[in-house]
Amino acid sequence: MYFAALLARTEDGWEASDTELDDVETLSDLADLAREASAEDDTVLVLIEQEDAWFGVVRVDGEDDPRIYVSDAAAAARSSYGEILLTDELLGREPGDDVPDLDSLDLDGTEDGEPASAEDDEEEEAVSAEAITHSPLGDGEILDDLGVSEKELRTLAAEDALSAIAEALGASEVLETVR
């Protein structure tokens, strides 16, 4: 289950709104959605979580390029919303590079119920070496100036991260109204 919300900083504090990401296909679409949530060029945070798996923060400050942080890159890569955040630039690859299709990875070592062979194991290890790791990715300092250090961000567990971030920002009440 996913949850996505926008937190827009205003003169009066933070305003929250839940958001549907069904029509968002690219990071650019997501940044435009965030900019629409702010009457001025104030900071807007897009908070996304997949229950107990990963969370992501996208920060949009006016017309600046969005800044991104993802708690678990491999888990996010297996998510349609996570794929939006994991741009080629963030992954450190050139656009168009051949990358293994993570949806096609055989996660249990078998294919169509067949037992894994030694040859399958070797192939899976080769693909896994190229695959995205289960580690944080992106701008760890994304929330430093808002009171959440990189160290704190990296220690947050996926199941309570957005609440902890909102609490540190003084926005927990407004976030809970849209949750």
N, C-alpha and C. Protein backbone atom coordinates (compact mmCIF):
# COMPACT_ATOMS: atom_id res chain seq x y z
N MET A 1 0.84 -1.18 0.00
CA MET A 1 0.00 0.00 0.00
C MET A 1 0.88 1.24 0.00
N TYR A 2 0.49 2.20 -0.80
CA TYR A 2 1.24 3.44 -0.94
C TYR A 2 0.53 4.58 -0.24
N PHE A 3 1.34 5.56 0.16
CA PHE A 3 0.81 6.82 0.65
C PHE A 3 1.68 7.91 0.06
N ALA A 4 1.06 8.95 -0.45
CA ALA A 4 1.80 10.09 -0.99
C ALA A 4 1.12 11.37 -0.54
N ALA A 5 1.93 12.32 -0.12
CA ALA A 5 1.39 13.61 0.33
C ALA A 5 2.35 14.72 -0.09
N LEU A 6 1.78 15.89 -0.23
CA LEU A 6 2.56 17.09 -0.49
C LEU A 6 2.56 17.94 0.77
N LEU A 7 3.72 18.42 1.17
CA LEU A 7 3.84 19.38 2.26
C LEU A 7 4.41 20.66 1.66
N ALA A 8 3.62 21.71 1.69
CA ALA A 8 4.05 23.00 1.14
C ALA A 8 4.30 23.97 2.28
N ARG A 9 5.49 24.57 2.29
CA ARG A 9 5.82 25.54 3.33
C ARG A 9 5.24 26.88 2.93
N THR A 10 4.51 27.49 3.86
CA THR A 10 3.92 28.80 3.64
C THR A 10 4.36 29.74 4.75
N GLU A 11 3.93 30.99 4.66
CA GLU A 11 4.23 31.95 5.73
C GLU A 11 3.63 31.51 7.06
N ASP A 12 2.53 30.78 6.99
CA ASP A 12 1.83 30.35 8.20
C ASP A 12 2.23 28.96 8.68
N GLY A 13 3.23 28.37 8.07
CA GLY A 13 3.65 27.02 8.44
C GLY A 13 3.48 26.06 7.26
N TRP A 14 3.29 24.81 7.56
CA TRP A 14 3.17 23.78 6.53
C TRP A 14 1.72 23.49 6.23
N GLU A 15 1.42 23.30 4.96
CA GLU A 15 0.10 22.84 4.53
C GLU A 15 0.28 21.50 3.86
N ALA A 16 -0.60 20.57 4.17
CA ALA A 16 -0.49 19.22 3.61
C ALA A 16 -1.68 18.92 2.72
N SER A 17 -1.41 18.13 1.71
CA SER A 17 -2.49 17.62 0.87
C SER A 17 -2.08 16.23 0.39
N ASP A 18 -3.07 15.33 0.40
CA ASP A 18 -2.76 14.02 -0.16
C ASP A 18 -2.79 14.16 -1.66
N THR A 19 -2.15 13.27 -2.31
CA THR A 19 -2.06 13.40 -3.76
C THR A 19 -2.11 12.03 -4.41
N GLU A 20 -2.72 12.02 -5.56
CA GLU A 20 -2.77 10.81 -6.38
C GLU A 20 -1.63 10.89 -7.39
N LEU A 21 -0.89 9.82 -7.49
CA LEU A 21 0.24 9.80 -8.42
C LEU A 21 -0.06 8.98 -9.66
N ASP A 22 -1.32 8.60 -9.84
CA ASP A 22 -1.69 7.75 -10.97
C ASP A 22 -1.36 8.39 -12.32
N ASP A 23 -1.46 9.70 -12.43
CA ASP A 23 -1.20 10.39 -13.69
C ASP A 23 0.24 10.89 -13.81
N VAL A 24 1.04 10.63 -12.79
CA VAL A 24 2.43 11.07 -12.79
C VAL A 24 3.28 9.96 -13.40
N GLU A 25 3.98 10.31 -14.49
CA GLU A 25 4.80 9.31 -15.18
C GLU A 25 6.30 9.59 -15.09
N THR A 26 6.65 10.85 -14.82
CA THR A 26 8.07 11.22 -14.79
C THR A 26 8.34 12.11 -13.58
N LEU A 27 9.62 12.27 -13.30
CA LEU A 27 10.02 13.18 -12.23
C LEU A 27 9.59 14.60 -12.55
N SER A 28 9.62 14.97 -13.81
CA SER A 28 9.19 16.30 -14.23
C SER A 28 7.70 16.51 -13.92
N ASP A 29 6.89 15.49 -14.18
CA ASP A 29 5.46 15.56 -13.84
C ASP A 29 5.27 15.75 -12.34
N LEU A 30 6.07 15.02 -11.55
CA LEU A 30 5.97 15.11 -10.09
C LEU A 30 6.39 16.49 -9.61
N ALA A 31 7.44 17.05 -10.19
CA ALA A 31 7.89 18.39 -9.83
C ALA A 31 6.83 19.43 -10.17
N ASP A 32 6.19 19.29 -11.33
CA ASP A 32 5.12 20.21 -11.72
C ASP A 32 3.96 20.13 -10.74
N LEU A 33 3.60 18.93 -10.33
CA LEU A 33 2.54 18.73 -9.35
C LEU A 33 2.89 19.44 -8.03
N ALA A 34 4.13 19.31 -7.61
CA ALA A 34 4.57 19.96 -6.38
C ALA A 34 4.52 21.48 -6.52
N ARG A 35 4.96 22.00 -7.64
CA ARG A 35 4.95 23.45 -7.85
C ARG A 35 3.53 24.01 -7.83
N GLU A 36 2.58 23.23 -8.33
CA GLU A 36 1.17 23.67 -8.31
C GLU A 36 0.63 23.78 -6.89
N ALA A 37 1.24 23.08 -5.94
CA ALA A 37 0.78 23.09 -4.55
C ALA A 37 1.22 24.35 -3.81
N SER A 38 2.10 25.13 -4.42
CA SER A 38 2.63 26.32 -3.77
C SER A 38 2.22 27.55 -4.56
N ALA A 39 1.62 28.52 -3.86
CA ALA A 39 1.21 29.77 -4.52
C ALA A 39 2.43 30.59 -4.93
N GLU A 40 3.50 30.45 -4.16
CA GLU A 40 4.73 31.16 -4.48
C GLU A 40 5.81 30.13 -4.73
N ASP A 41 7.05 30.55 -4.73
CA ASP A 41 8.15 29.61 -4.97
C ASP A 41 8.66 29.00 -3.66
N ASP A 42 7.74 28.69 -2.77
CA ASP A 42 8.11 28.11 -1.48
C ASP A 42 8.51 26.66 -1.65
N THR A 43 9.13 26.12 -0.63
CA THR A 43 9.54 24.72 -0.61
C THR A 43 8.33 23.81 -0.55
N VAL A 44 8.34 22.80 -1.40
CA VAL A 44 7.31 21.76 -1.37
C VAL A 44 8.02 20.42 -1.28
N LEU A 45 7.56 19.60 -0.35
CA LEU A 45 8.08 18.25 -0.20
C LEU A 45 7.03 17.26 -0.66
N VAL A 46 7.44 16.32 -1.48
CA VAL A 46 6.58 15.21 -1.86
C VAL A 46 7.08 14.04 -1.04
N LEU A 47 6.21 13.50 -0.21
CA LEU A 47 6.55 12.37 0.64
C LEU A 47 5.82 11.14 0.12
N ILE A 48 6.56 10.09 -0.14
CA ILE A 48 5.99 8.86 -0.68
C ILE A 48 6.48 7.70 0.16
N GLU A 49 5.58 6.78 0.47
CA GLU A 49 6.02 5.57 1.16
C GLU A 49 5.26 4.37 0.65
N GLN A 50 5.97 3.27 0.61
CA GLN A 50 5.34 1.98 0.38
C GLN A 50 5.48 1.26 1.71
N GLU A 51 4.38 0.90 2.27
CA GLU A 51 4.31 0.33 3.61
C GLU A 51 5.41 -0.68 3.88
N ASP A 52 6.21 -0.40 4.89
CA ASP A 52 7.28 -1.28 5.39
C ASP A 52 8.36 -1.61 4.38
N ALA A 53 8.42 -0.95 3.22
CA ALA A 53 9.42 -1.30 2.22
C ALA A 53 10.41 -0.16 1.96
N TRP A 54 9.90 1.03 1.67
CA TRP A 54 10.78 2.16 1.35
C TRP A 54 9.99 3.45 1.47
N PHE A 55 10.74 4.55 1.56
CA PHE A 55 10.13 5.87 1.49
C PHE A 55 11.01 6.77 0.64
N GLY A 56 10.39 7.81 0.11
CA GLY A 56 11.12 8.77 -0.69
C GLY A 56 10.68 10.18 -0.38
N VAL A 57 11.61 11.10 -0.55
CA VAL A 57 11.34 12.53 -0.37
C VAL A 57 11.83 13.23 -1.62
N VAL A 58 10.95 14.03 -2.20
CA VAL A 58 11.33 14.89 -3.32
C VAL A 58 11.13 16.32 -2.84
N ARG A 59 12.15 17.12 -2.99
CA ARG A 59 12.07 18.52 -2.57
C ARG A 59 12.12 19.40 -3.80
N VAL A 60 11.13 20.29 -3.89
CA VAL A 60 11.07 21.24 -5.00
C VAL A 60 11.07 22.64 -4.40
N ASP A 61 12.10 23.40 -4.76
CA ASP A 61 12.22 24.80 -4.33
C ASP A 61 12.10 25.68 -5.56
N GLY A 62 10.90 26.24 -5.76
CA GLY A 62 10.69 27.10 -6.92
C GLY A 62 10.95 26.37 -8.22
N GLU A 63 11.73 26.99 -9.09
CA GLU A 63 12.03 26.41 -10.40
C GLU A 63 13.31 25.58 -10.39
N ASP A 64 13.96 25.43 -9.22
CA ASP A 64 15.17 24.61 -9.14
C ASP A 64 14.84 23.16 -9.48
N ASP A 65 15.85 22.42 -9.90
CA ASP A 65 15.67 21.00 -10.15
C ASP A 65 15.28 20.30 -8.85
N PRO A 66 14.41 19.32 -8.94
CA PRO A 66 14.02 18.59 -7.73
C PRO A 66 15.20 17.85 -7.13
N ARG A 67 15.21 17.78 -5.81
CA ARG A 67 16.19 17.00 -5.07
C ARG A 67 15.48 15.75 -4.57
N ILE A 68 16.17 14.62 -4.58
CA ILE A 68 15.51 13.34 -4.31
C ILE A 68 16.30 12.55 -3.27
N TYR A 69 15.58 11.87 -2.40
CA TYR A 69 16.17 10.91 -1.47
C TYR A 69 15.25 9.69 -1.45
N VAL A 70 15.83 8.51 -1.58
CA VAL A 70 15.09 7.25 -1.52
C VAL A 70 15.76 6.36 -0.48
N SER A 71 15.00 5.80 0.44
CA SER A 71 15.57 5.03 1.55
C SER A 71 16.11 3.67 1.13
N ASP A 72 15.52 3.03 0.15
CA ASP A 72 15.95 1.70 -0.30
C ASP A 72 15.78 1.65 -1.82
N ALA A 73 16.87 1.83 -2.52
CA ALA A 73 16.81 1.95 -3.97
C ALA A 73 16.27 0.69 -4.64
N ALA A 74 16.67 -0.47 -4.18
CA ALA A 74 16.22 -1.72 -4.81
C ALA A 74 14.72 -1.93 -4.62
N ALA A 75 14.22 -1.65 -3.42
CA ALA A 75 12.79 -1.79 -3.17
C ALA A 75 12.01 -0.77 -4.00
N ALA A 76 12.51 0.44 -4.07
CA ALA A 76 11.83 1.48 -4.85
C ALA A 76 11.84 1.14 -6.34
N ALA A 77 12.89 0.51 -6.82
CA ALA A 77 12.98 0.16 -8.24
C ALA A 77 11.92 -0.85 -8.63
N ARG A 78 11.40 -1.58 -7.70
CA ARG A 78 10.37 -2.57 -7.97
C ARG A 78 8.97 -1.98 -7.83
N SER A 79 8.90 -0.68 -7.67
CA SER A 79 7.65 0.03 -7.46
C SER A 79 7.43 1.02 -8.59
N SER A 80 6.21 1.13 -9.06
CA SER A 80 5.95 2.08 -10.14
C SER A 80 6.22 3.51 -9.69
N TYR A 81 5.92 3.83 -8.44
CA TYR A 81 6.20 5.18 -7.95
C TYR A 81 7.69 5.37 -7.71
N GLY A 82 8.35 4.35 -7.24
CA GLY A 82 9.79 4.43 -7.03
C GLY A 82 10.55 4.63 -8.31
N GLU A 83 10.09 3.99 -9.38
CA GLU A 83 10.75 4.14 -10.68
C GLU A 83 10.75 5.59 -11.15
N ILE A 84 9.74 6.35 -10.75
CA ILE A 84 9.68 7.77 -11.11
C ILE A 84 10.86 8.52 -10.49
N LEU A 85 11.21 8.15 -9.26
CA LEU A 85 12.27 8.84 -8.53
C LEU A 85 13.67 8.41 -8.95
N LEU A 86 13.81 7.18 -9.40
CA LEU A 86 15.12 6.63 -9.71
C LEU A 86 15.53 6.97 -11.14
N THR A 87 15.89 8.20 -11.33
CA THR A 87 16.30 8.69 -12.64
C THR A 87 17.69 8.14 -12.99
N ASP A 88 18.02 8.18 -14.27
CA ASP A 88 19.35 7.75 -14.71
C ASP A 88 20.43 8.53 -13.97
N GLU A 89 20.23 9.82 -13.83
CA GLU A 89 21.22 10.66 -13.15
C GLU A 89 21.41 10.21 -11.71
N LEU A 90 20.31 9.94 -11.00
CA LEU A 90 20.39 9.51 -9.62
C LEU A 90 21.10 8.16 -9.50
N LEU A 91 20.87 7.29 -10.47
CA LEU A 91 21.49 5.97 -10.47
C LEU A 91 22.92 5.99 -11.02
N GLY A 92 23.36 7.15 -11.51
CA GLY A 92 24.72 7.28 -11.99
C GLY A 92 24.97 6.57 -13.31
N ARG A 93 23.97 6.56 -14.17
CA ARG A 93 24.15 5.93 -15.47
C ARG A 93 23.73 6.89 -16.56
N GLU A 94 24.22 6.62 -17.74
CA GLU A 94 23.89 7.43 -18.90
C GLU A 94 22.50 7.05 -19.40
N PRO A 95 21.71 8.01 -19.87
CA PRO A 95 20.41 7.67 -20.44
C PRO A 95 20.58 6.66 -21.57
N GLY A 96 19.74 5.63 -21.54
CA GLY A 96 19.77 4.61 -22.58
C GLY A 96 20.67 3.44 -22.27
N ASP A 97 21.44 3.50 -21.15
CA ASP A 97 22.27 2.35 -20.78
C ASP A 97 21.38 1.13 -20.63
N ASP A 98 21.89 -0.03 -21.03
CA ASP A 98 21.15 -1.26 -20.82
C ASP A 98 21.23 -1.62 -19.35
N VAL A 99 20.08 -1.75 -18.74
CA VAL A 99 19.97 -2.08 -17.33
C VAL A 99 19.05 -3.26 -17.21
N PRO A 100 19.37 -4.23 -16.34
CA PRO A 100 18.47 -5.36 -16.21
C PRO A 100 17.08 -4.90 -15.79
N ASP A 101 16.07 -5.49 -16.38
CA ASP A 101 14.69 -5.20 -16.02
C ASP A 101 14.42 -5.86 -14.67
N LEU A 102 14.25 -5.02 -13.63
CA LEU A 102 14.10 -5.57 -12.29
C LEU A 102 12.84 -6.40 -12.13
N ASP A 103 11.82 -6.12 -12.93
CA ASP A 103 10.61 -6.93 -12.85
C ASP A 103 10.85 -8.34 -13.36
N SER A 104 11.84 -8.51 -14.23
CA SER A 104 12.10 -9.83 -14.79
C SER A 104 13.09 -10.63 -13.95
N LEU A 105 13.67 -10.01 -12.94
CA LEU A 105 14.60 -10.76 -12.09
C LEU A 105 13.86 -11.88 -11.39
N ASP A 106 14.47 -13.03 -11.36
CA ASP A 106 13.90 -14.22 -10.74
C ASP A 106 14.29 -14.18 -9.26
N LEU A 107 13.42 -13.63 -8.42
CA LEU A 107 13.78 -13.35 -7.04
C LEU A 107 13.93 -14.57 -6.17
N ASP A 108 13.27 -15.68 -6.50
CA ASP A 108 13.39 -16.86 -5.65
C ASP A 108 14.29 -17.93 -6.25
N GLY A 109 14.94 -17.64 -7.35
CA GLY A 109 15.87 -18.57 -7.95
C GLY A 109 15.22 -19.62 -8.81
N THR A 110 13.94 -19.52 -9.03
CA THR A 110 13.26 -20.49 -9.87
C THR A 110 12.50 -19.77 -10.95
N GLU A 111 12.17 -20.47 -11.99
CA GLU A 111 11.38 -19.91 -13.07
C GLU A 111 10.23 -20.85 -13.35
N ASP A 112 9.02 -20.32 -13.30
CA ASP A 112 7.82 -21.12 -13.55
C ASP A 112 7.76 -22.37 -12.68
N GLY A 113 8.21 -22.25 -11.43
CA GLY A 113 8.12 -23.37 -10.50
C GLY A 113 9.20 -24.41 -10.66
N GLU A 114 10.13 -24.22 -11.58
CA GLU A 114 11.21 -25.19 -11.79
C GLU A 114 12.31 -24.95 -10.76
N PRO A 115 12.92 -26.02 -10.26
CA PRO A 115 14.03 -25.83 -9.33
C PRO A 115 15.18 -25.10 -10.02
N ALA A 116 15.90 -24.32 -9.26
CA ALA A 116 17.03 -23.58 -9.80
C ALA A 116 18.19 -24.53 -10.06
N SER A 117 18.85 -24.33 -11.18
CA SER A 117 20.03 -25.13 -11.50
C SER A 117 21.27 -24.31 -11.16
N ALA A 118 22.43 -24.95 -11.19
CA ALA A 118 23.68 -24.24 -10.93
C ALA A 118 23.88 -23.14 -11.97
N GLU A 119 23.50 -23.43 -13.22
CA GLU A 119 23.63 -22.43 -14.29
C GLU A 119 22.73 -21.23 -14.00
N ASP A 120 21.50 -21.49 -13.53
CA ASP A 120 20.58 -20.40 -13.18
C ASP A 120 21.16 -19.57 -12.05
N ASP A 121 21.77 -20.23 -11.05
CA ASP A 121 22.36 -19.51 -9.92
C ASP A 121 23.46 -18.58 -10.39
N GLU A 122 24.32 -19.06 -11.31
CA GLU A 122 25.41 -18.22 -11.82
C GLU A 122 24.85 -17.03 -12.59
N GLU A 123 23.82 -17.25 -13.40
CA GLU A 123 23.22 -16.17 -14.16
C GLU A 123 22.58 -15.15 -13.23
N GLU A 124 21.89 -15.65 -12.20
CA GLU A 124 21.24 -14.75 -11.25
C GLU A 124 22.27 -13.91 -10.50
N GLU A 125 23.40 -14.50 -10.11
CA GLU A 125 24.44 -13.75 -9.43
C GLU A 125 25.00 -12.66 -10.33
N ALA A 126 25.18 -12.96 -11.62
CA ALA A 126 25.71 -11.96 -12.55
C ALA A 126 24.74 -10.80 -12.69
N VAL A 127 23.45 -11.08 -12.80
CA VAL A 127 22.46 -10.02 -12.92
C VAL A 127 22.38 -9.24 -11.61
N SER A 128 22.42 -9.94 -10.47
CA SER A 128 22.32 -9.27 -9.18
C SER A 128 23.48 -8.30 -8.97
N ALA A 129 24.64 -8.63 -9.48
CA ALA A 129 25.80 -7.74 -9.32
C ALA A 129 25.55 -6.42 -10.04
N GLU A 130 24.78 -6.46 -11.12
CA GLU A 130 24.48 -5.24 -11.86
C GLU A 130 23.24 -4.53 -11.32
N ALA A 131 22.47 -5.22 -10.54
CA ALA A 131 21.20 -4.68 -10.05
C ALA A 131 21.45 -3.61 -8.99
N ILE A 132 20.44 -2.88 -8.71
CA ILE A 132 20.48 -1.79 -7.73
C ILE A 132 20.50 -2.40 -6.33
N THR A 133 21.28 -1.81 -5.44
CA THR A 133 21.43 -2.34 -4.09
C THR A 133 20.35 -1.83 -3.15
N HIS A 134 20.19 -2.53 -2.05
CA HIS A 134 19.25 -2.14 -1.00
C HIS A 134 19.92 -1.11 -0.08
N SER A 135 20.12 0.06 -0.58
CA SER A 135 20.72 1.12 0.22
C SER A 135 20.08 2.44 -0.14
N PRO A 136 20.24 3.43 0.75
CA PRO A 136 19.71 4.75 0.42
C PRO A 136 20.40 5.33 -0.80
N LEU A 137 19.67 6.18 -1.48
CA LEU A 137 20.20 6.77 -2.70
C LEU A 137 19.68 8.20 -2.80
N GLY A 138 20.52 9.09 -3.26
CA GLY A 138 20.08 10.46 -3.48
C GLY A 138 20.73 11.43 -2.53
N ASP A 139 20.09 12.56 -2.36
CA ASP A 139 20.60 13.68 -1.58
C ASP A 139 20.25 13.50 -0.11
N GLY A 140 21.20 12.97 0.65
CA GLY A 140 20.97 12.74 2.08
C GLY A 140 20.82 14.03 2.87
N GLU A 141 21.25 15.15 2.31
CA GLU A 141 21.16 16.45 2.99
C GLU A 141 19.91 17.22 2.58
N ILE A 142 18.97 16.54 1.97
CA ILE A 142 17.77 17.16 1.41
C ILE A 142 16.96 17.94 2.45
N LEU A 143 17.02 17.51 3.72
CA LEU A 143 16.21 18.15 4.76
C LEU A 143 17.07 18.81 5.85
N ASP A 144 18.38 18.91 5.64
CA ASP A 144 19.27 19.48 6.65
C ASP A 144 18.80 20.84 7.16
N ASP A 145 18.50 21.75 6.24
CA ASP A 145 18.12 23.11 6.64
C ASP A 145 16.72 23.16 7.28
N LEU A 146 16.00 22.05 7.22
CA LEU A 146 14.66 21.97 7.82
C LEU A 146 14.68 21.21 9.15
N GLY A 147 15.86 20.79 9.59
CA GLY A 147 15.98 20.17 10.90
C GLY A 147 16.12 18.66 10.92
N VAL A 148 16.28 18.03 9.77
CA VAL A 148 16.49 16.58 9.72
C VAL A 148 17.83 16.34 9.04
N SER A 149 18.81 15.91 9.82
CA SER A 149 20.15 15.69 9.28
C SER A 149 20.20 14.43 8.43
N GLU A 150 21.27 14.33 7.65
CA GLU A 150 21.46 13.14 6.82
C GLU A 150 21.52 11.89 7.69
N LYS A 151 22.21 11.97 8.80
CA LYS A 151 22.32 10.81 9.70
C LYS A 151 20.94 10.39 10.21
N GLU A 152 20.13 11.36 10.62
CA GLU A 152 18.78 11.05 11.09
C GLU A 152 17.93 10.44 9.98
N LEU A 153 18.04 11.01 8.79
CA LEU A 153 17.26 10.53 7.65
C LEU A 153 17.60 9.08 7.34
N ARG A 154 18.88 8.75 7.36
CA ARG A 154 19.33 7.40 7.03
C ARG A 154 18.93 6.37 8.09
N THR A 155 18.66 6.81 9.31
CA THR A 155 18.30 5.86 10.37
C THR A 155 16.80 5.63 10.48
N LEU A 156 16.00 6.38 9.73
CA LEU A 156 14.55 6.22 9.81
C LEU A 156 14.11 4.89 9.20
N ALA A 157 13.21 4.22 9.86
CA ALA A 157 12.64 2.99 9.34
C ALA A 157 11.47 3.33 8.43
N ALA A 158 11.28 2.55 7.39
CA ALA A 158 10.26 2.84 6.38
C ALA A 158 8.87 2.98 6.97
N GLU A 159 8.56 2.21 8.01
CA GLU A 159 7.19 2.22 8.51
C GLU A 159 6.80 3.49 9.27
N ASP A 160 7.77 4.27 9.76
CA ASP A 160 7.40 5.49 10.49
C ASP A 160 8.17 6.72 10.02
N ALA A 161 8.83 6.63 8.90
CA ALA A 161 9.69 7.71 8.43
C ALA A 161 8.94 9.00 8.16
N LEU A 162 7.83 8.92 7.44
CA LEU A 162 7.13 10.15 7.09
C LEU A 162 6.60 10.86 8.32
N SER A 163 6.13 10.12 9.29
CA SER A 163 5.66 10.72 10.55
C SER A 163 6.82 11.39 11.29
N ALA A 164 7.97 10.73 11.32
CA ALA A 164 9.14 11.29 11.99
C ALA A 164 9.62 12.57 11.28
N ILE A 165 9.62 12.55 9.96
CA ILE A 165 10.02 13.74 9.20
C ILE A 165 9.05 14.88 9.48
N ALA A 166 7.75 14.59 9.40
CA ALA A 166 6.74 15.62 9.64
C ALA A 166 6.86 16.18 11.05
N GLU A 167 7.13 15.33 12.01
CA GLU A 167 7.28 15.79 13.39
C GLU A 167 8.47 16.75 13.51
N ALA A 168 9.59 16.39 12.90
CA ALA A 168 10.77 17.25 12.94
C ALA A 168 10.52 18.60 12.26
N LEU A 169 9.65 18.61 11.25
CA LEU A 169 9.32 19.85 10.55
C LEU A 169 8.25 20.66 11.27
N GLY A 170 7.64 20.07 12.28
CA GLY A 170 6.52 20.73 12.95
C GLY A 170 5.24 20.61 12.13
N ALA A 171 5.14 19.57 11.32
CA ALA A 171 4.00 19.41 10.42
C ALA A 171 3.25 18.10 10.65
N SER A 172 3.46 17.47 11.80
CA SER A 172 2.84 16.16 12.01
C SER A 172 1.32 16.23 12.03
N GLU A 173 0.76 17.27 12.61
CA GLU A 173 -0.70 17.38 12.66
C GLU A 173 -1.29 17.55 11.27
N VAL A 174 -0.69 18.39 10.42
CA VAL A 174 -1.25 18.58 9.09
C VAL A 174 -1.06 17.35 8.22
N LEU A 175 0.03 16.62 8.42
CA LEU A 175 0.22 15.39 7.66
C LEU A 175 -0.82 14.34 8.07
N GLU A 176 -1.07 14.24 9.35
CA GLU A 176 -2.04 13.25 9.82
C GLU A 176 -3.45 13.53 9.33
N THR A 177 -3.75 14.79 9.03
CA THR A 177 -5.10 15.11 8.53
C THR A 177 -5.33 14.55 7.14
N VAL A 178 -4.26 14.32 6.37
CA VAL A 178 -4.42 13.77 5.02
C VAL A 178 -4.10 12.28 4.94
N ARG A 179 -3.61 11.74 6.01
CA ARG A 179 -3.22 10.31 6.01
C ARG A 179 -4.41 9.45 6.06
